[in-house]
Amino acid sequence: MSKRPIRQEVLSWDDVDKIVDILVPQLRSAGSFDAMILITRGGIVPGGLLAEALEIQDVLTAAVQFTSFESSTTDERRVWPKFLQFPSNDLLAGRRILTVDDVWGSGRTSTAVRSRSEAAGATAYTCVFHFNPYRSLFTKAEPDFYGAITDAHVVYPWETDRGLLGIGSFNPTPLGSPESN
């Protein structure tokens, strides 16, 4: 059985700016947030952009890993996450927390972070740049805020090749050396 190829969507920084412009009014209309949790690695750049736009000072990170499952009969939603890094409960309790990631694909990571934040006593919200409802493992859960719906594999500008093509070599000469005169 062959799968059809996944469509790719490559975004520019202008595209990212438009997504931020879509999300900021949504987020402001929900009220202020006391802190933000960025899901590593995908949520670091989107979260930084949103933290700056919303003037959120407390920016935390969460690193989540899901073990691979070997049986095709295993329900992916039942695989327990391993939290490699997560804010302490005292940083979350009684606070409005915005959790940010780049994409809601299966939805497992965002829902795991939200659940753990709520267990710590936070009022937790999820936000992603792109929501892919076609891949989501959850029929009743979706991000609270998203910039766009997609069925594509999204490539963000910070994920593209950062090679030195087109840049000439540069060999700096320290100031004060005979070569710099």
C-alpha atoms as a PDB file:
ATOM      1  CA  MET A   1       0.000   0.000   0.000  1.00  0.00           C
ATOM      2  CA  SER A   2       1.604   3.266  -1.046  1.00  0.00           C
ATOM      3  CA  LYS A   3       1.023   6.516   0.736  1.00  0.00           C
ATOM      4  CA  ARG A   4       0.598   9.685  -1.239  1.00  0.00           C
ATOM      5  CA  PRO A   5       3.455  12.153  -0.785  1.00  0.00           C
ATOM      6  CA  ILE A   6       3.055  14.781   1.876  1.00  0.00           C
ATOM      7  CA  ARG A   7       2.681  18.265   0.505  1.00  0.00           C
ATOM      8  CA  GLN A   8       5.307  20.699   1.743  1.00  0.00           C
ATOM      9  CA  GLU A   9       4.714  24.346   2.453  1.00  0.00           C
ATOM     10  CA  VAL A  10       7.869  26.462   2.773  1.00  0.00           C
ATOM     11  CA  LEU A  11       7.273  29.717   4.620  1.00  0.00           C
ATOM     12  CA  SER A  12       9.138  33.004   4.417  1.00  0.00           C
ATOM     13  CA  TRP A  13       9.690  35.413   7.305  1.00  0.00           C
ATOM     14  CA  ASP A  14       6.906  37.547   5.814  1.00  0.00           C
ATOM     15  CA  ASP A  15       4.577  34.542   6.105  1.00  0.00           C
ATOM     16  CA  VAL A  16       5.601  34.142   9.743  1.00  0.00           C
ATOM     17  CA  ASP A  17       4.906  37.842  10.399  1.00  0.00           C
ATOM     18  CA  LYS A  18       1.390  37.373   8.986  1.00  0.00           C
ATOM     19  CA  ILE A  19       0.779  34.426  11.322  1.00  0.00           C
ATOM     20  CA  VAL A  20       1.934  36.471  14.305  1.00  0.00           C
ATOM     21  CA  ASP A  21      -0.405  39.261  13.152  1.00  0.00           C
ATOM     22  CA  ILE A  22      -3.291  36.758  13.099  1.00  0.00           C
ATOM     23  CA  LEU A  23      -2.479  35.296  16.525  1.00  0.00           C
ATOM     24  CA  VAL A  24      -1.782  38.439  18.547  1.00  0.00           C
ATOM     25  CA  PRO A  25      -5.378  39.822  18.437  1.00  0.00           C
ATOM     26  CA  GLN A  26      -6.767  36.373  19.317  1.00  0.00           C
ATOM     27  CA  LEU A  27      -4.425  36.085  22.277  1.00  0.00           C
ATOM     28  CA  ARG A  28      -5.046  39.643  23.498  1.00  0.00           C
ATOM     29  CA  SER A  29      -8.800  39.079  23.369  1.00  0.00           C
ATOM     30  CA  ALA A  30      -8.377  36.139  25.757  1.00  0.00           C
ATOM     31  CA  GLY A  31      -6.805  38.363  28.411  1.00  0.00           C
ATOM     32  CA  SER A  32      -3.289  38.511  29.743  1.00  0.00           C
ATOM     33  CA  PHE A  33      -1.053  35.530  30.398  1.00  0.00           C
ATOM     34  CA  ASP A  34       1.238  35.302  33.403  1.00  0.00           C
ATOM     35  CA  ALA A  35       3.805  33.112  31.688  1.00  0.00           C
ATOM     36  CA  MET A  36       4.521  31.186  28.528  1.00  0.00           C
ATOM     37  CA  ILE A  37       5.844  27.647  28.095  1.00  0.00           C
ATOM     38  CA  LEU A  38       7.742  27.061  24.855  1.00  0.00           C
ATOM     39  CA  ILE A  39       7.809  23.451  23.725  1.00  0.00           C
ATOM     40  CA  THR A  40      11.303  22.600  22.560  1.00  0.00           C
ATOM     41  CA  ARG A  41      12.429  22.770  19.877  1.00  0.00           C
ATOM     42  CA  GLY A  42       9.589  23.772  17.583  1.00  0.00           C
ATOM     43  CA  GLY A  43       8.022  26.330  19.893  1.00  0.00           C
ATOM     44  CA  ILE A  44      11.150  28.323  20.685  1.00  0.00           C
ATOM     45  CA  VAL A  45      11.058  30.762  17.755  1.00  0.00           C
ATOM     46  CA  PRO A  46       7.246  31.125  17.575  1.00  0.00           C
ATOM     47  CA  GLY A  47       7.077  31.557  21.344  1.00  0.00           C
ATOM     48  CA  GLY A  48       9.839  34.149  21.328  1.00  0.00           C
ATOM     49  CA  LEU A  49       8.047  36.159  18.676  1.00  0.00           C
ATOM     50  CA  LEU A  50       4.751  35.985  20.569  1.00  0.00           C
ATOM     51  CA  ALA A  51       6.358  36.733  23.948  1.00  0.00           C
ATOM     52  CA  GLU A  52       7.858  39.882  22.475  1.00  0.00           C
ATOM     53  CA  ALA A  53       4.602  40.951  20.808  1.00  0.00           C
ATOM     54  CA  LEU A  54       2.548  40.294  23.958  1.00  0.00           C
ATOM     55  CA  GLU A  55       5.197  41.596  26.351  1.00  0.00           C
ATOM     56  CA  ILE A  56       5.249  38.349  28.344  1.00  0.00           C
ATOM     57  CA  GLN A  57       8.269  38.388  30.650  1.00  0.00           C
ATOM     58  CA  ASP A  58       8.144  34.875  32.149  1.00  0.00           C
ATOM     59  CA  VAL A  59       9.165  32.467  29.406  1.00  0.00           C
ATOM     60  CA  LEU A  60       9.657  28.822  30.391  1.00  0.00           C
ATOM     61  CA  THR A  61      10.476  25.690  28.407  1.00  0.00           C
ATOM     62  CA  ALA A  62       9.249  22.118  28.285  1.00  0.00           C
ATOM     63  CA  ALA A  63      10.967  19.241  26.506  1.00  0.00           C
ATOM     64  CA  VAL A  64       8.768  16.217  25.880  1.00  0.00           C
ATOM     65  CA  GLN A  65       9.692  12.856  24.405  1.00  0.00           C
ATOM     66  CA  PHE A  66       7.365  10.063  23.375  1.00  0.00           C
ATOM     67  CA  THR A  67       8.803   6.589  23.177  1.00  0.00           C
ATOM     68  CA  SER A  68       8.235   4.831  19.905  1.00  0.00           C
ATOM     69  CA  PHE A  69       5.735   2.045  20.012  1.00  0.00           C
ATOM     70  CA  GLU A  70       6.299  -1.201  18.219  1.00  0.00           C
ATOM     71  CA  SER A  71       2.866  -2.622  17.814  1.00  0.00           C
ATOM     72  CA  SER A  72       0.607  -1.206  15.147  1.00  0.00           C
ATOM     73  CA  THR A  73      -2.259  -2.004  17.502  1.00  0.00           C
ATOM     74  CA  THR A  74      -0.917   0.361  20.183  1.00  0.00           C
ATOM     75  CA  ASP A  75      -3.021   3.487  20.442  1.00  0.00           C
ATOM     76  CA  GLU A  76      -0.635   6.468  20.140  1.00  0.00           C
ATOM     77  CA  ARG A  77      -2.752   8.472  22.601  1.00  0.00           C
ATOM     78  CA  ARG A  78      -1.990   5.923  25.328  1.00  0.00           C
ATOM     79  CA  VAL A  79       1.803   6.225  25.127  1.00  0.00           C
ATOM     80  CA  TRP A  80       3.034   8.124  28.186  1.00  0.00           C
ATOM     81  CA  PRO A  81       5.281  11.109  27.570  1.00  0.00           C
ATOM     82  CA  LYS A  82       8.667  11.494  29.173  1.00  0.00           C
ATOM     83  CA  PHE A  83       9.252  15.067  30.340  1.00  0.00           C
ATOM     84  CA  LEU A  84      12.932  15.774  29.846  1.00  0.00           C
ATOM     85  CA  GLN A  85      12.467  19.320  31.118  1.00  0.00           C
ATOM     86  CA  PHE A  86       9.452  21.011  32.686  1.00  0.00           C
ATOM     87  CA  PRO A  87       8.847  24.078  34.879  1.00  0.00           C
ATOM     88  CA  SER A  88       8.382  23.429  38.580  1.00  0.00           C
ATOM     89  CA  ASN A  89       4.844  23.475  39.949  1.00  0.00           C
ATOM     90  CA  ASP A  90       5.453  26.679  41.919  1.00  0.00           C
ATOM     91  CA  LEU A  91       6.085  28.526  38.627  1.00  0.00           C
ATOM     92  CA  LEU A  92       2.693  27.393  37.303  1.00  0.00           C
ATOM     93  CA  ALA A  93       0.243  27.156  40.198  1.00  0.00           C
ATOM     94  CA  GLY A  94      -2.527  29.754  40.081  1.00  0.00           C
ATOM     95  CA  ARG A  95      -1.218  31.327  36.858  1.00  0.00           C
ATOM     96  CA  ARG A  96      -2.571  31.697  33.319  1.00  0.00           C
ATOM     97  CA  ILE A  97      -0.087  29.844  31.129  1.00  0.00           C
ATOM     98  CA  LEU A  98       0.167  29.979  27.345  1.00  0.00           C
ATOM     99  CA  THR A  99       1.884  26.925  25.851  1.00  0.00           C
ATOM    100  CA  VAL A 100       3.366  27.524  22.389  1.00  0.00           C
ATOM    101  CA  ASP A 101       4.549  25.107  19.696  1.00  0.00           C
ATOM    102  CA  ASP A 102       5.005  25.461  15.966  1.00  0.00           C
ATOM    103  CA  VAL A 103       2.566  22.782  14.760  1.00  0.00           C
ATOM    104  CA  TRP A 104      -0.242  20.708  16.229  1.00  0.00           C
ATOM    105  CA  GLY A 105       0.230  17.488  14.282  1.00  0.00           C
ATOM    106  CA  SER A 106      -0.811  14.500  16.366  1.00  0.00           C
ATOM    107  CA  GLY A 107      -1.533  16.861  19.250  1.00  0.00           C
ATOM    108  CA  ARG A 108       0.179  14.612  21.803  1.00  0.00           C
ATOM    109  CA  THR A 109       2.879  17.064  22.860  1.00  0.00           C
ATOM    110  CA  SER A 110       0.634  20.091  23.347  1.00  0.00           C
ATOM    111  CA  THR A 111      -1.998  18.093  25.228  1.00  0.00           C
ATOM    112  CA  ALA A 112       0.645  16.490  27.463  1.00  0.00           C
ATOM    113  CA  VAL A 113       2.105  19.889  28.377  1.00  0.00           C
ATOM    114  CA  ARG A 114      -1.355  21.357  28.947  1.00  0.00           C
ATOM    115  CA  SER A 115      -2.370  18.427  31.165  1.00  0.00           C
ATOM    116  CA  ARG A 116       0.785  18.644  33.255  1.00  0.00           C
ATOM    117  CA  SER A 117       0.374  22.420  33.630  1.00  0.00           C
ATOM    118  CA  GLU A 118      -3.229  21.983  34.760  1.00  0.00           C
ATOM    119  CA  ALA A 119      -2.151  19.270  37.219  1.00  0.00           C
ATOM    120  CA  ALA A 120       0.258  21.854  38.700  1.00  0.00           C
ATOM    121  CA  GLY A 121      -2.679  24.227  39.256  1.00  0.00           C
ATOM    122  CA  ALA A 122      -2.339  26.431  36.159  1.00  0.00           C
ATOM    123  CA  THR A 123      -5.057  27.624  33.849  1.00  0.00           C
ATOM    124  CA  ALA A 124      -3.461  26.401  30.630  1.00  0.00           C
ATOM    125  CA  TYR A 125      -3.986  27.390  27.006  1.00  0.00           C
ATOM    126  CA  THR A 126      -2.365  26.032  23.854  1.00  0.00           C
ATOM    127  CA  CYS A 127      -1.225  28.022  20.843  1.00  0.00           C
ATOM    128  CA  VAL A 128       0.390  26.878  17.587  1.00  0.00           C
ATOM    129  CA  PHE A 129       1.252  28.555  14.335  1.00  0.00           C
ATOM    130  CA  HIS A 130      -0.306  25.682  12.320  1.00  0.00           C
ATOM    131  CA  PHE A 131      -3.067  23.233  13.210  1.00  0.00           C
ATOM    132  CA  ASN A 132      -3.276  20.019  11.187  1.00  0.00           C
ATOM    133  CA  PRO A 133      -6.672  18.517  12.087  1.00  0.00           C
ATOM    134  CA  TYR A 134      -6.109  15.739   9.548  1.00  0.00           C
ATOM    135  CA  ARG A 135      -3.211  14.306  11.605  1.00  0.00           C
ATOM    136  CA  SER A 136      -4.593  14.991  15.069  1.00  0.00           C
ATOM    137  CA  LEU A 137      -5.143  11.921  17.219  1.00  0.00           C
ATOM    138  CA  PHE A 138      -7.815  13.732  19.213  1.00  0.00           C
ATOM    139  CA  THR A 139     -11.352  14.218  17.986  1.00  0.00           C
ATOM    140  CA  LYS A 140     -12.406  16.613  20.751  1.00  0.00           C
ATOM    141  CA  ALA A 141      -9.145  18.420  21.487  1.00  0.00           C
ATOM    142  CA  GLU A 142      -7.586  21.142  19.405  1.00  0.00           C
ATOM    143  CA  PRO A 143      -5.372  24.132  20.113  1.00  0.00           C
ATOM    144  CA  ASP A 144      -7.037  27.082  21.795  1.00  0.00           C
ATOM    145  CA  PHE A 145      -5.311  29.442  19.356  1.00  0.00           C
ATOM    146  CA  TYR A 146      -3.815  28.807  15.922  1.00  0.00           C
ATOM    147  CA  GLY A 147      -2.684  30.948  13.027  1.00  0.00           C
ATOM    148  CA  ALA A 148      -3.646  28.647  10.160  1.00  0.00           C
ATOM    149  CA  ILE A 149      -5.065  25.229   9.326  1.00  0.00           C
ATOM    150  CA  THR A 150      -2.967  23.041   7.060  1.00  0.00           C
ATOM    151  CA  ASP A 151      -2.611  19.534   5.718  1.00  0.00           C
ATOM    152  CA  ALA A 152       1.007  20.141   4.671  1.00  0.00           C
ATOM    153  CA  HIS A 153       4.383  19.555   6.240  1.00  0.00           C
ATOM    154  CA  VAL A 154       5.342  23.132   7.107  1.00  0.00           C
ATOM    155  CA  VAL A 155       8.945  24.273   6.749  1.00  0.00           C
ATOM    156  CA  TYR A 156       9.639  27.472   8.668  1.00  0.00           C
ATOM    157  CA  PRO A 157      12.347  29.942   7.630  1.00  0.00           C
ATOM    158  CA  TRP A 158      14.457  29.071  10.679  1.00  0.00           C
ATOM    159  CA  GLU A 159      14.526  25.431   9.521  1.00  0.00           C
ATOM    160  CA  THR A 160      16.013  26.092   6.099  1.00  0.00           C
ATOM    161  CA  ASP A 161      19.641  25.530   5.180  1.00  0.00           C
ATOM    162  CA  ARG A 162      21.887  28.130   6.777  1.00  0.00           C
ATOM    163  CA  GLY A 163      24.894  27.325   4.565  1.00  0.00           C
ATOM    164  CA  LEU A 164      27.375  29.916   3.361  1.00  0.00           C
ATOM    165  CA  LEU A 165      26.386  29.796  -0.312  1.00  0.00           C
ATOM    166  CA  GLY A 166      26.879  33.149  -1.938  1.00  0.00           C
ATOM    167  CA  ILE A 167      28.875  34.535   0.964  1.00  0.00           C
ATOM    168  CA  GLY A 168      32.518  35.239   0.250  1.00  0.00           C
ATOM    169  CA  SER A 169      35.119  34.015   2.705  1.00  0.00           C
ATOM    170  CA  PHE A 170      36.162  36.488   5.353  1.00  0.00           C
ATOM    171  CA  ASN A 171      39.450  36.372   7.165  1.00  0.00           C
ATOM    172  CA  PRO A 172      39.486  39.124   9.787  1.00  0.00           C
ATOM    173  CA  THR A 173      42.717  40.835  10.675  1.00  0.00           C
ATOM    174  CA  PRO A 174      43.057  41.989  14.295  1.00  0.00           C
ATOM    175  CA  LEU A 175      43.215  45.774  14.750  1.00  0.00           C
ATOM    176  CA  GLY A 176      46.693  47.020  15.460  1.00  0.00           C
ATOM    177  CA  SER A 177      48.409  44.210  13.550  1.00  0.00           C
ATOM    178  CA  PRO A 178      50.799  45.135  10.712  1.00  0.00           C
ATOM    179  CA  GLU A 179      48.344  43.624   8.192  1.00  0.00           C
ATOM    180  CA  SER A 180      45.544  46.013   9.253  1.00  0.00           C
ATOM    181  CA  ASN A 181      47.563  49.171   8.492  1.00  0.00           C
END
